[in-house]
Amino acid sequence: MTFTKIPVYSGCEKPMVTAERHPGSHYHGKDGLGDAPDPSAPGTDQIQTEHGVNALVRLSQEHTGIP
């Protein structure tokens, strides 16, 4: 199964609410996907240039009222 048509957006590099950082690498691995080998996984070149927060706001405005 390929997921290359699903857009992926980067989020914040550090916590927005607190100054204390809690690395998620023990949950998400070094690659952010649990370090599970997947030869068909998309590369980082698939990451959208739009910031994740901006994408969430834009997409929610574009799809307001859709059930």
PDB file of N, CA and C in Angstrom:
ATOM      1  N   MET A   1       0.856  -1.180   0.000  1.00  0.00           N
ATOM      2  CA  MET A   1       0.000   0.000   0.000  1.00  0.00           C
ATOM      3  C   MET A   1       0.894   1.231   0.000  1.00  0.00           C
ATOM      4  N   THR A   2       0.534   2.201  -0.782  1.00  0.00           N
ATOM      5  CA  THR A   2       1.324   3.428  -0.842  1.00  0.00           C
ATOM      6  C   THR A   2       0.510   4.604  -0.323  1.00  0.00           C
ATOM      7  N   PHE A   3       1.172   5.439   0.420  1.00  0.00           N
ATOM      8  CA  PHE A   3       0.504   6.598   1.020  1.00  0.00           C
ATOM      9  C   PHE A   3       1.098   7.898   0.505  1.00  0.00           C
ATOM     10  N   THR A   4       1.724   7.867  -0.648  1.00  0.00           N
ATOM     11  CA  THR A   4       2.420   9.050  -1.133  1.00  0.00           C
ATOM     12  C   THR A   4       1.493  10.193  -1.522  1.00  0.00           C
ATOM     13  N   LYS A   5       0.199   9.953  -1.613  1.00  0.00           N
ATOM     14  CA  LYS A   5      -0.729  11.028  -1.958  1.00  0.00           C
ATOM     15  C   LYS A   5      -1.298  11.723  -0.718  1.00  0.00           C
ATOM     16  N   ILE A   6      -0.915  11.256   0.464  1.00  0.00           N
ATOM     17  CA  ILE A   6      -1.360  11.885   1.701  1.00  0.00           C
ATOM     18  C   ILE A   6      -0.346  12.961   2.070  1.00  0.00           C
ATOM     19  N   PRO A   7      -0.769  14.229   2.139  1.00  0.00           N
ATOM     20  CA  PRO A   7       0.197  15.280   2.453  1.00  0.00           C
ATOM     21  C   PRO A   7       0.681  15.188   3.901  1.00  0.00           C
ATOM     22  N   VAL A   8       1.953  15.458   4.080  1.00  0.00           N
ATOM     23  CA  VAL A   8       2.571  15.437   5.407  1.00  0.00           C
ATOM     24  C   VAL A   8       3.157  16.818   5.657  1.00  0.00           C
ATOM     25  N   TYR A   9       2.856  17.375   6.831  1.00  0.00           N
ATOM     26  CA  TYR A   9       3.306  18.714   7.182  1.00  0.00           C
ATOM     27  C   TYR A   9       4.141  18.652   8.455  1.00  0.00           C
ATOM     28  N   SER A  10       5.169  19.470   8.510  1.00  0.00           N
ATOM     29  CA  SER A  10       5.974  19.571   9.723  1.00  0.00           C
ATOM     30  C   SER A  10       5.272  20.472  10.722  1.00  0.00           C
ATOM     31  N   GLY A  11       5.463  20.149  11.991  1.00  0.00           N
ATOM     32  CA  GLY A  11       4.908  20.972  13.054  1.00  0.00           C
ATOM     33  C   GLY A  11       5.991  21.773  13.739  1.00  0.00           C
ATOM     34  N   CYS A  12       5.748  22.120  14.969  1.00  0.00           N
ATOM     35  CA  CYS A  12       6.685  22.931  15.741  1.00  0.00           C
ATOM     36  C   CYS A  12       7.909  22.115  16.132  1.00  0.00           C
ATOM     37  N   GLU A  13       9.036  22.791  16.184  1.00  0.00           N
ATOM     38  CA  GLU A  13      10.282  22.131  16.563  1.00  0.00           C
ATOM     39  C   GLU A  13      10.431  22.008  18.073  1.00  0.00           C
ATOM     40  N   LYS A  14       9.648  22.786  18.821  1.00  0.00           N
ATOM     41  CA  LYS A  14       9.715  22.727  20.279  1.00  0.00           C
ATOM     42  C   LYS A  14       8.309  22.911  20.831  1.00  0.00           C
ATOM     43  N   PRO A  15       8.087  22.567  22.102  1.00  0.00           N
ATOM     44  CA  PRO A  15       6.750  22.716  22.689  1.00  0.00           C
ATOM     45  C   PRO A  15       6.259  24.162  22.625  1.00  0.00           C
ATOM     46  N   MET A  16       4.978  24.325  22.377  1.00  0.00           N
ATOM     47  CA  MET A  16       4.403  25.662  22.287  1.00  0.00           C
ATOM     48  C   MET A  16       4.023  26.224  23.652  1.00  0.00           C
ATOM     49  N   VAL A  17       3.751  25.362  24.618  1.00  0.00           N
ATOM     50  CA  VAL A  17       3.225  25.815  25.895  1.00  0.00           C
ATOM     51  C   VAL A  17       4.288  25.887  26.986  1.00  0.00           C
ATOM     52  N   THR A  18       5.190  24.968  27.011  1.00  0.00           N
ATOM     53  CA  THR A  18       6.189  24.921  28.065  1.00  0.00           C
ATOM     54  C   THR A  18       7.588  24.971  27.458  1.00  0.00           C
ATOM     55  N   ALA A  19       8.537  25.429  28.224  1.00  0.00           N
ATOM     56  CA  ALA A  19       9.918  25.485  27.746  1.00  0.00           C
ATOM     57  C   ALA A  19      10.596  24.119  27.880  1.00  0.00           C
ATOM     58  N   GLU A  20      10.006  23.231  28.658  1.00  0.00           N
ATOM     59  CA  GLU A  20      10.597  21.919  28.886  1.00  0.00           C
ATOM     60  C   GLU A  20      10.318  21.001  27.700  1.00  0.00           C
ATOM     61  N   ARG A  21      11.382  20.411  27.175  1.00  0.00           N
ATOM     62  CA  ARG A  21      11.241  19.514  26.028  1.00  0.00           C
ATOM     63  C   ARG A  21      11.196  18.070  26.504  1.00  0.00           C
ATOM     64  N   HIS A  22      10.343  17.291  25.876  1.00  0.00           N
ATOM     65  CA  HIS A  22      10.250  15.859  26.139  1.00  0.00           C
ATOM     66  C   HIS A  22      10.416  15.142  24.805  1.00  0.00           C
ATOM     67  N   PRO A  23      11.637  14.695  24.520  1.00  0.00           N
ATOM     68  CA  PRO A  23      11.850  14.027  23.230  1.00  0.00           C
ATOM     69  C   PRO A  23      10.916  12.827  23.057  1.00  0.00           C
ATOM     70  N   GLY A  24      10.357  12.693  21.887  1.00  0.00           N
ATOM     71  CA  GLY A  24       9.445  11.585  21.604  1.00  0.00           C
ATOM     72  C   GLY A  24      10.124  10.443  20.887  1.00  0.00           C
ATOM     73  N   SER A  25      11.460  10.471  20.829  1.00  0.00           N
ATOM     74  CA  SER A  25      12.161   9.447  20.062  1.00  0.00           C
ATOM     75  C   SER A  25      11.949   8.052  20.630  1.00  0.00           C
ATOM     76  N   HIS A  26      11.691   7.927  21.934  1.00  0.00           N
ATOM     77  CA  HIS A  26      11.434   6.594  22.473  1.00  0.00           C
ATOM     78  C   HIS A  26      10.059   6.083  22.053  1.00  0.00           C
ATOM     79  N   TYR A  27       9.185   6.979  21.600  1.00  0.00           N
ATOM     80  CA  TYR A  27       7.893   6.569  21.054  1.00  0.00           C
ATOM     81  C   TYR A  27       7.948   6.455  19.538  1.00  0.00           C
ATOM     82  N   HIS A  28       8.496   7.487  18.920  1.00  0.00           N
ATOM     83  CA  HIS A  28       8.417   7.619  17.474  1.00  0.00           C
ATOM     84  C   HIS A  28       9.698   7.228  16.742  1.00  0.00           C
ATOM     85  N   GLY A  29      10.763   6.922  17.463  1.00  0.00           N
ATOM     86  CA  GLY A  29      12.028   6.556  16.829  1.00  0.00           C
ATOM     87  C   GLY A  29      12.749   7.758  16.256  1.00  0.00           C
ATOM     88  N   LYS A  30      13.908   7.515  15.735  1.00  0.00           N
ATOM     89  CA  LYS A  30      14.706   8.602  15.163  1.00  0.00           C
ATOM     90  C   LYS A  30      14.085   9.150  13.884  1.00  0.00           C
ATOM     91  N   ASP A  31      13.376   8.294  13.159  1.00  0.00           N
ATOM     92  CA  ASP A  31      12.795   8.738  11.897  1.00  0.00           C
ATOM     93  C   ASP A  31      11.366   9.260  12.050  1.00  0.00           C
ATOM     94  N   GLY A  32      10.830   9.235  13.264  1.00  0.00           N
ATOM     95  CA  GLY A  32       9.468   9.710  13.498  1.00  0.00           C
ATOM     96  C   GLY A  32       8.397   8.689  13.192  1.00  0.00           C
ATOM     97  N   LEU A  33       8.806   7.523  12.677  1.00  0.00           N
ATOM     98  CA  LEU A  33       7.857   6.472  12.310  1.00  0.00           C
ATOM     99  C   LEU A  33       8.170   5.161  13.017  1.00  0.00           C
ATOM    100  N   GLY A  34       8.800   5.255  14.179  1.00  0.00           N
ATOM    101  CA  GLY A  34       9.092   4.064  14.965  1.00  0.00           C
ATOM    102  C   GLY A  34      10.271   3.258  14.456  1.00  0.00           C
ATOM    103  N   ASP A  35      11.064   3.834  13.568  1.00  0.00           N
ATOM    104  CA  ASP A  35      12.238   3.170  12.998  1.00  0.00           C
ATOM    105  C   ASP A  35      11.910   1.815  12.378  1.00  0.00           C
ATOM    106  N   ALA A  36      10.685   1.651  11.938  1.00  0.00           N
ATOM    107  CA  ALA A  36      10.285   0.406  11.280  1.00  0.00           C
ATOM    108  C   ALA A  36      10.758   0.451   9.836  1.00  0.00           C
ATOM    109  N   PRO A  37      11.526  -0.536   9.410  1.00  0.00           N
ATOM    110  CA  PRO A  37      12.010  -0.504   8.025  1.00  0.00           C
ATOM    111  C   PRO A  37      10.855  -0.642   7.038  1.00  0.00           C
ATOM    112  N   ASP A  38      10.781   0.266   6.112  1.00  0.00           N
ATOM    113  CA  ASP A  38       9.740   0.243   5.089  1.00  0.00           C
ATOM    114  C   ASP A  38      10.341   0.782   3.797  1.00  0.00           C
ATOM    115  N   PRO A  39      10.711  -0.100   2.891  1.00  0.00           N
ATOM    116  CA  PRO A  39      11.350   0.355   1.659  1.00  0.00           C
ATOM    117  C   PRO A  39      10.459   1.226   0.780  1.00  0.00           C
ATOM    118  N   SER A  40       9.148   1.171   0.992  1.00  0.00           N
ATOM    119  CA  SER A  40       8.258   1.991   0.167  1.00  0.00           C
ATOM    120  C   SER A  40       7.828   3.276   0.864  1.00  0.00           C
ATOM    121  N   ALA A  41       8.408   3.553   2.031  1.00  0.00           N
ATOM    122  CA  ALA A  41       8.045   4.771   2.762  1.00  0.00           C
ATOM    123  C   ALA A  41       8.478   6.004   1.977  1.00  0.00           C
ATOM    124  N   PRO A  42       7.656   7.048   1.996  1.00  0.00           N
ATOM    125  CA  PRO A  42       8.045   8.267   1.278  1.00  0.00           C
ATOM    126  C   PRO A  42       9.240   8.930   1.955  1.00  0.00           C
ATOM    127  N   GLY A  43      10.025   9.641   1.187  1.00  0.00           N
ATOM    128  CA  GLY A  43      11.180  10.347   1.727  1.00  0.00           C
ATOM    129  C   GLY A  43      10.790  11.690   2.297  1.00  0.00           C
ATOM    130  N   THR A  44      11.739  12.335   2.922  1.00  0.00           N
ATOM    131  CA  THR A  44      11.469  13.647   3.513  1.00  0.00           C
ATOM    132  C   THR A  44      11.171  14.695   2.452  1.00  0.00           C
ATOM    133  N   ASP A  45      11.477  14.400   1.183  1.00  0.00           N
ATOM    134  CA  ASP A  45      11.148  15.336   0.119  1.00  0.00           C
ATOM    135  C   ASP A  45       9.639  15.432  -0.098  1.00  0.00           C
ATOM    136  N   GLN A  46       8.868  14.535   0.510  1.00  0.00           N
ATOM    137  CA  GLN A  46       7.408  14.562   0.410  1.00  0.00           C
ATOM    138  C   GLN A  46       6.774  15.525   1.417  1.00  0.00           C
ATOM    139  N   ILE A  47       7.570  16.032   2.365  1.00  0.00           N
ATOM    140  CA  ILE A  47       7.037  16.943   3.379  1.00  0.00           C
ATOM    141  C   ILE A  47       6.676  18.267   2.714  1.00  0.00           C
ATOM    142  N   GLN A  48       5.480  18.731   2.974  1.00  0.00           N
ATOM    143  CA  GLN A  48       4.979  19.971   2.387  1.00  0.00           C
ATOM    144  C   GLN A  48       5.738  21.170   2.950  1.00  0.00           C
ATOM    145  N   THR A  49       5.792  22.250   2.202  1.00  0.00           N
ATOM    146  CA  THR A  49       6.496  23.445   2.670  1.00  0.00           C
ATOM    147  C   THR A  49       5.623  24.263   3.630  1.00  0.00           C
ATOM    148  N   GLU A  50       4.329  24.104   3.545  1.00  0.00           N
ATOM    149  CA  GLU A  50       3.419  24.821   4.448  1.00  0.00           C
ATOM    150  C   GLU A  50       3.540  24.237   5.855  1.00  0.00           C
ATOM    151  N   HIS A  51       3.596  25.082   6.858  1.00  0.00           N
ATOM    152  CA  HIS A  51       3.695  24.625   8.245  1.00  0.00           C
ATOM    153  C   HIS A  51       2.412  23.895   8.636  1.00  0.00           C
ATOM    154  N   GLY A  52       2.524  22.888   9.470  1.00  0.00           N
ATOM    155  CA  GLY A  52       1.399  22.058   9.871  1.00  0.00           C
ATOM    156  C   GLY A  52       0.250  22.839  10.489  1.00  0.00           C
ATOM    157  N   VAL A  53       0.557  23.825  11.329  1.00  0.00           N
ATOM    158  CA  VAL A  53      -0.498  24.619  11.969  1.00  0.00           C
ATOM    159  C   VAL A  53      -1.266  25.408  10.922  1.00  0.00           C
ATOM    160  N   ASN A  54      -0.546  26.007   9.996  1.00  0.00           N
ATOM    161  CA  ASN A  54      -1.215  26.771   8.934  1.00  0.00           C
ATOM    162  C   ASN A  54      -2.078  25.854   8.066  1.00  0.00           C
ATOM    163  N   ALA A  55      -1.602  24.652   7.805  1.00  0.00           N
ATOM    164  CA  ALA A  55      -2.374  23.698   7.013  1.00  0.00           C
ATOM    165  C   ALA A  55      -3.657  23.299   7.738  1.00  0.00           C
ATOM    166  N   LEU A  56      -3.569  23.063   9.042  1.00  0.00           N
ATOM    167  CA  LEU A  56      -4.771  22.708   9.810  1.00  0.00           C
ATOM    168  C   LEU A  56      -5.807  23.827   9.761  1.00  0.00           C
ATOM    169  N   VAL A  57      -5.371  25.059   9.934  1.00  0.00           N
ATOM    170  CA  VAL A  57      -6.304  26.192   9.892  1.00  0.00           C
ATOM    171  C   VAL A  57      -6.919  26.306   8.501  1.00  0.00           C
ATOM    172  N   ARG A  58      -6.075  26.274   7.464  1.00  0.00           N
ATOM    173  CA  ARG A  58      -6.564  26.400   6.093  1.00  0.00           C
ATOM    174  C   ARG A  58      -7.546  25.286   5.745  1.00  0.00           C
ATOM    175  N   LEU A  59      -7.176  24.045   6.039  1.00  0.00           N
ATOM    176  CA  LEU A  59      -8.038  22.911   5.700  1.00  0.00           C
ATOM    177  C   LEU A  59      -9.355  22.950   6.469  1.00  0.00           C
ATOM    178  N   SER A  60      -9.325  23.367   7.728  1.00  0.00           N
ATOM    179  CA  SER A  60     -10.576  23.444   8.488  1.00  0.00           C
ATOM    180  C   SER A  60     -11.485  24.530   7.940  1.00  0.00           C
ATOM    181  N   GLN A  61     -10.898  25.614   7.452  1.00  0.00           N
ATOM    182  CA  GLN A  61     -11.716  26.680   6.840  1.00  0.00           C
ATOM    183  C   GLN A  61     -12.276  26.250   5.494  1.00  0.00           C
ATOM    184  N   GLU A  62     -11.487  25.490   4.736  1.00  0.00           N
ATOM    185  CA  GLU A  62     -11.931  25.028   3.427  1.00  0.00           C
ATOM    186  C   GLU A  62     -13.045  23.990   3.531  1.00  0.00           C
ATOM    187  N   HIS A  63     -13.083  23.256   4.612  1.00  0.00           N
ATOM    188  CA  HIS A  63     -14.028  22.153   4.732  1.00  0.00           C
ATOM    189  C   HIS A  63     -15.041  22.367   5.859  1.00  0.00           C
ATOM    190  N   THR A  64     -15.331  23.607   6.189  1.00  0.00           N
ATOM    191  CA  THR A  64     -16.301  23.928   7.221  1.00  0.00           C
ATOM    192  C   THR A  64     -17.681  23.434   6.815  1.00  0.00           C
ATOM    193  N   GLY A  65     -18.358  22.746   7.725  1.00  0.00           N
ATOM    194  CA  GLY A  65     -19.711  22.282   7.483  1.00  0.00           C
ATOM    195  C   GLY A  65     -19.833  20.993   6.711  1.00  0.00           C
ATOM    196  N   ILE A  66     -18.721  20.398   6.330  1.00  0.00           N
ATOM    197  CA  ILE A  66     -18.775  19.125   5.611  1.00  0.00           C
ATOM    198  C   ILE A  66     -18.902  18.000   6.640  1.00  0.00           C
ATOM    199  N   PRO A  67     -19.958  17.182   6.529  1.00  0.00           N
ATOM    200  CA  PRO A  67     -20.156  16.116   7.526  1.00  0.00           C
ATOM    201  C   PRO A  67     -19.116  15.021   7.416  1.00  0.00           C
TER     202      PRO A  67
END
